[in-house]
Amino acid sequence: MSKTNHCRASNLVDITSKWAAYQFDAAVSFIGISIENALQEMTKGVSKYRLSDLLKPEYKLPRPPTDKQEEKNAINWLKMQVGRGVKVFKVKKE
């Protein structure tokens, strides 16, 4: 609705406190982006999720890797993406 009306979500529900409005807008943006990203995930050319499933209260975001091997695989995958839109930044240790 915010995109359609070109206004902040907090304006639609008339939140007047600047800080509360910021927090509300951030939460709405996070949820919206998470749902949009999930809808774009594909497996063998078919969407992994349906909007009706994503809107259910029990829907949860995937957890980050907890297993050291999974974490290593994720880091290696990121390293392979360098030059494909992923940039490497080195931080100097003080």
N, C-alpha and C. Protein backbone atom coordinates (compact mmCIF):
# COMPACT_ATOMS: atom_id res chain seq x y z
N MET A 1 0.82 -1.19 0.00
CA MET A 1 0.00 0.00 0.00
C MET A 1 0.87 1.26 0.00
N SER A 2 1.99 1.20 0.71
CA SER A 2 2.91 2.33 0.73
C SER A 2 3.48 2.62 -0.65
N LYS A 3 3.84 1.54 -1.37
CA LYS A 3 4.37 1.71 -2.72
C LYS A 3 3.31 2.32 -3.64
N THR A 4 2.11 1.83 -3.54
CA THR A 4 1.03 2.32 -4.39
C THR A 4 0.74 3.78 -4.15
N ASN A 5 0.71 4.18 -2.88
CA ASN A 5 0.37 5.56 -2.51
C ASN A 5 1.59 6.46 -2.39
N HIS A 6 2.77 5.91 -2.61
CA HIS A 6 4.02 6.68 -2.54
C HIS A 6 4.15 7.46 -1.23
N CYS A 7 3.96 6.73 -0.13
CA CYS A 7 4.14 7.34 1.19
C CYS A 7 4.65 6.29 2.17
N ARG A 8 5.09 6.75 3.31
CA ARG A 8 5.60 5.84 4.33
C ARG A 8 4.45 5.09 4.99
N ALA A 9 4.74 3.87 5.41
CA ALA A 9 3.72 3.05 6.08
C ALA A 9 3.21 3.74 7.33
N SER A 10 4.10 4.42 8.04
CA SER A 10 3.69 5.11 9.27
C SER A 10 2.70 6.24 8.99
N ASN A 11 2.76 6.83 7.81
CA ASN A 11 1.78 7.86 7.44
C ASN A 11 0.40 7.25 7.24
N LEU A 12 0.37 6.04 6.70
CA LEU A 12 -0.91 5.38 6.44
C LEU A 12 -1.67 5.07 7.72
N VAL A 13 -0.91 4.79 8.80
CA VAL A 13 -1.56 4.47 10.07
C VAL A 13 -1.48 5.64 11.06
N ASP A 14 -1.01 6.78 10.56
CA ASP A 14 -1.01 8.04 11.32
C ASP A 14 -0.19 7.98 12.60
N ILE A 15 1.06 7.52 12.49
CA ILE A 15 1.97 7.54 13.63
C ILE A 15 2.66 8.90 13.63
N THR A 16 2.53 9.64 14.71
CA THR A 16 3.04 11.01 14.76
C THR A 16 4.43 11.12 15.38
N SER A 17 4.80 10.20 16.26
CA SER A 17 6.13 10.23 16.87
C SER A 17 7.16 9.85 15.81
N LYS A 18 8.18 10.70 15.63
CA LYS A 18 9.19 10.44 14.60
C LYS A 18 9.91 9.12 14.84
N TRP A 19 10.29 8.86 16.09
CA TRP A 19 11.02 7.63 16.40
C TRP A 19 10.14 6.40 16.20
N ALA A 20 8.91 6.44 16.66
CA ALA A 20 7.99 5.31 16.48
C ALA A 20 7.71 5.09 14.99
N ALA A 21 7.58 6.18 14.25
CA ALA A 21 7.33 6.08 12.81
C ALA A 21 8.52 5.42 12.12
N TYR A 22 9.72 5.82 12.50
CA TYR A 22 10.93 5.22 11.91
C TYR A 22 10.96 3.71 12.19
N GLN A 23 10.72 3.33 13.44
CA GLN A 23 10.75 1.92 13.83
C GLN A 23 9.69 1.12 13.07
N PHE A 24 8.50 1.68 12.96
CA PHE A 24 7.41 1.01 12.24
C PHE A 24 7.76 0.85 10.76
N ASP A 25 8.28 1.91 10.15
CA ASP A 25 8.66 1.85 8.73
C ASP A 25 9.76 0.82 8.51
N ALA A 26 10.72 0.76 9.42
CA ALA A 26 11.81 -0.21 9.30
C ALA A 26 11.27 -1.64 9.39
N ALA A 27 10.36 -1.88 10.30
CA ALA A 27 9.77 -3.22 10.45
C ALA A 27 8.97 -3.60 9.21
N VAL A 28 8.17 -2.69 8.72
CA VAL A 28 7.36 -2.96 7.52
C VAL A 28 8.27 -3.23 6.32
N SER A 29 9.33 -2.45 6.19
CA SER A 29 10.28 -2.65 5.09
C SER A 29 10.96 -4.00 5.19
N PHE A 30 11.40 -4.37 6.38
CA PHE A 30 12.08 -5.65 6.58
C PHE A 30 11.17 -6.81 6.19
N ILE A 31 9.95 -6.78 6.67
CA ILE A 31 9.01 -7.86 6.36
C ILE A 31 8.70 -7.89 4.87
N GLY A 32 8.47 -6.73 4.29
CA GLY A 32 8.16 -6.67 2.86
C GLY A 32 9.29 -7.18 1.99
N ILE A 33 10.52 -6.77 2.30
CA ILE A 33 11.68 -7.20 1.53
C ILE A 33 11.90 -8.70 1.71
N SER A 34 11.71 -9.20 2.93
CA SER A 34 11.88 -10.63 3.18
C SER A 34 10.89 -11.45 2.36
N ILE A 35 9.66 -11.01 2.30
CA ILE A 35 8.64 -11.72 1.53
C ILE A 35 8.94 -11.63 0.04
N GLU A 36 9.30 -10.45 -0.43
CA GLU A 36 9.63 -10.30 -1.86
C GLU A 36 10.81 -11.18 -2.25
N ASN A 37 11.84 -11.23 -1.41
CA ASN A 37 13.00 -12.07 -1.70
C ASN A 37 12.63 -13.55 -1.71
N ALA A 38 11.83 -13.98 -0.75
CA ALA A 38 11.42 -15.38 -0.70
C ALA A 38 10.61 -15.76 -1.94
N LEU A 39 9.78 -14.84 -2.41
CA LEU A 39 8.98 -15.12 -3.61
C LEU A 39 9.84 -15.28 -4.86
N GLN A 40 11.04 -14.72 -4.83
CA GLN A 40 11.92 -14.81 -5.99
C GLN A 40 12.81 -16.06 -5.96
N GLU A 41 12.83 -16.77 -4.83
CA GLU A 41 13.65 -17.98 -4.74
C GLU A 41 13.02 -19.08 -5.59
N MET A 42 13.87 -19.72 -6.38
CA MET A 42 13.39 -20.74 -7.30
C MET A 42 14.14 -22.06 -7.08
N THR A 43 13.47 -23.14 -7.32
CA THR A 43 14.06 -24.47 -7.34
C THR A 43 13.60 -25.12 -8.63
N LYS A 44 14.55 -25.42 -9.50
CA LYS A 44 14.25 -26.04 -10.79
C LYS A 44 13.21 -25.23 -11.57
N GLY A 45 13.34 -23.91 -11.54
CA GLY A 45 12.46 -23.03 -12.30
C GLY A 45 11.09 -22.81 -11.69
N VAL A 46 10.86 -23.34 -10.50
CA VAL A 46 9.56 -23.18 -9.82
C VAL A 46 9.78 -22.43 -8.52
N SER A 47 8.90 -21.50 -8.22
CA SER A 47 9.01 -20.73 -6.99
C SER A 47 8.97 -21.66 -5.78
N LYS A 48 9.88 -21.43 -4.82
CA LYS A 48 9.95 -22.26 -3.63
C LYS A 48 8.79 -21.99 -2.67
N TYR A 49 8.24 -20.79 -2.72
CA TYR A 49 7.22 -20.40 -1.76
C TYR A 49 6.00 -19.82 -2.47
N ARG A 50 4.87 -19.94 -1.82
CA ARG A 50 3.66 -19.26 -2.29
C ARG A 50 3.37 -18.12 -1.31
N LEU A 51 2.82 -17.03 -1.84
CA LEU A 51 2.53 -15.88 -1.00
C LEU A 51 1.64 -16.27 0.18
N SER A 52 0.66 -17.11 -0.06
CA SER A 52 -0.24 -17.52 1.02
C SER A 52 0.51 -18.22 2.15
N ASP A 53 1.57 -18.97 1.80
CA ASP A 53 2.38 -19.62 2.84
C ASP A 53 3.24 -18.61 3.59
N LEU A 54 3.81 -17.66 2.85
CA LEU A 54 4.69 -16.67 3.47
C LEU A 54 3.95 -15.76 4.44
N LEU A 55 2.68 -15.58 4.23
CA LEU A 55 1.89 -14.69 5.09
C LEU A 55 1.36 -15.37 6.34
N LYS A 56 1.60 -16.67 6.47
CA LYS A 56 1.16 -17.40 7.66
C LYS A 56 2.05 -17.01 8.85
N PRO A 57 1.47 -16.89 10.03
CA PRO A 57 2.25 -16.50 11.21
C PRO A 57 3.41 -17.45 11.52
N GLU A 58 3.30 -18.72 11.16
CA GLU A 58 4.35 -19.67 11.49
C GLU A 58 5.54 -19.63 10.52
N TYR A 59 5.46 -18.80 9.46
CA TYR A 59 6.57 -18.68 8.52
C TYR A 59 7.78 -18.12 9.23
N LYS A 60 8.96 -18.74 9.02
CA LYS A 60 10.18 -18.27 9.66
C LYS A 60 11.27 -18.15 8.60
N LEU A 61 12.13 -17.16 8.77
CA LEU A 61 13.27 -16.98 7.89
C LEU A 61 14.25 -18.13 8.10
N PRO A 62 14.98 -18.50 7.04
CA PRO A 62 16.00 -19.54 7.22
C PRO A 62 17.06 -19.07 8.21
N ARG A 63 17.55 -20.00 9.00
CA ARG A 63 18.58 -19.67 9.98
C ARG A 63 19.94 -19.59 9.29
N PRO A 64 20.82 -18.73 9.81
CA PRO A 64 22.18 -18.71 9.27
C PRO A 64 22.89 -20.02 9.61
N PRO A 65 23.93 -20.35 8.86
CA PRO A 65 24.64 -21.61 9.13
C PRO A 65 25.14 -21.66 10.58
N THR A 66 24.93 -22.80 11.22
CA THR A 66 25.41 -22.99 12.58
C THR A 66 26.54 -24.00 12.61
N ASP A 67 26.52 -24.92 11.71
CA ASP A 67 27.55 -25.93 11.60
C ASP A 67 28.79 -25.29 10.97
N LYS A 68 29.97 -25.59 11.49
CA LYS A 68 31.21 -24.99 10.97
C LYS A 68 31.39 -25.33 9.49
N GLN A 69 31.04 -26.55 9.07
CA GLN A 69 31.18 -26.94 7.68
C GLN A 69 30.22 -26.13 6.81
N GLU A 70 28.98 -25.94 7.27
CA GLU A 70 28.02 -25.13 6.53
C GLU A 70 28.53 -23.69 6.41
N GLU A 71 29.11 -23.18 7.50
CA GLU A 71 29.64 -21.82 7.49
C GLU A 71 30.80 -21.71 6.49
N LYS A 72 31.67 -22.70 6.49
CA LYS A 72 32.80 -22.72 5.56
C LYS A 72 32.29 -22.77 4.12
N ASN A 73 31.26 -23.59 3.87
CA ASN A 73 30.68 -23.69 2.52
C ASN A 73 30.10 -22.35 2.08
N ALA A 74 29.44 -21.65 3.01
CA ALA A 74 28.85 -20.35 2.68
C ALA A 74 29.93 -19.33 2.35
N ILE A 75 31.02 -19.34 3.12
CA ILE A 75 32.13 -18.42 2.86
C ILE A 75 32.78 -18.74 1.52
N ASN A 76 33.00 -20.01 1.24
CA ASN A 76 33.58 -20.41 -0.05
C ASN A 76 32.67 -20.01 -1.20
N TRP A 77 31.36 -20.16 -1.02
CA TRP A 77 30.42 -19.76 -2.07
C TRP A 77 30.54 -18.26 -2.33
N LEU A 78 30.63 -17.47 -1.26
CA LEU A 78 30.78 -16.02 -1.42
C LEU A 78 32.07 -15.69 -2.16
N LYS A 79 33.15 -16.38 -1.83
CA LYS A 79 34.43 -16.14 -2.50
C LYS A 79 34.31 -16.41 -3.99
N MET A 80 33.54 -17.41 -4.38
CA MET A 80 33.36 -17.74 -5.80
C MET A 80 32.55 -16.67 -6.52
N GLN A 81 31.82 -15.83 -5.78
CA GLN A 81 30.98 -14.81 -6.39
C GLN A 81 31.73 -13.52 -6.70
N VAL A 82 32.99 -13.43 -6.26
CA VAL A 82 33.78 -12.23 -6.51
C VAL A 82 33.87 -12.01 -8.01
N GLY A 83 33.55 -10.79 -8.43
CA GLY A 83 33.55 -10.46 -9.86
C GLY A 83 32.19 -10.65 -10.49
N ARG A 84 31.27 -11.26 -9.78
CA ARG A 84 29.89 -11.45 -10.26
C ARG A 84 28.94 -10.55 -9.48
N GLY A 85 29.41 -9.38 -9.15
CA GLY A 85 28.57 -8.46 -8.38
C GLY A 85 28.98 -8.38 -6.92
N VAL A 86 29.89 -9.26 -6.49
CA VAL A 86 30.37 -9.24 -5.12
C VAL A 86 31.78 -8.64 -5.13
N LYS A 87 32.01 -7.69 -4.25
CA LYS A 87 33.31 -7.03 -4.17
C LYS A 87 34.00 -7.44 -2.87
N VAL A 88 35.31 -7.43 -2.91
CA VAL A 88 36.11 -7.76 -1.74
C VAL A 88 36.63 -6.46 -1.12
N PHE A 89 36.48 -6.34 0.17
CA PHE A 89 37.01 -5.19 0.90
C PHE A 89 37.93 -5.73 1.98
N LYS A 90 39.13 -5.16 2.05
CA LYS A 90 40.07 -5.56 3.09
C LYS A 90 40.08 -4.49 4.17
N VAL A 91 40.07 -4.93 5.40
CA VAL A 91 40.08 -4.03 6.54
C VAL A 91 41.43 -4.13 7.22
N LYS A 92 42.05 -2.97 7.43
CA LYS A 92 43.35 -2.96 8.11
C LYS A 92 43.16 -3.18 9.59
N LYS A 93 43.96 -4.07 10.14
CA LYS A 93 43.91 -4.29 11.58
C LYS A 93 44.82 -3.29 12.25
N GLU A 94 44.34 -2.72 13.34
CA GLU A 94 45.15 -1.72 14.05
C GLU A 94 45.89 -2.34 15.20
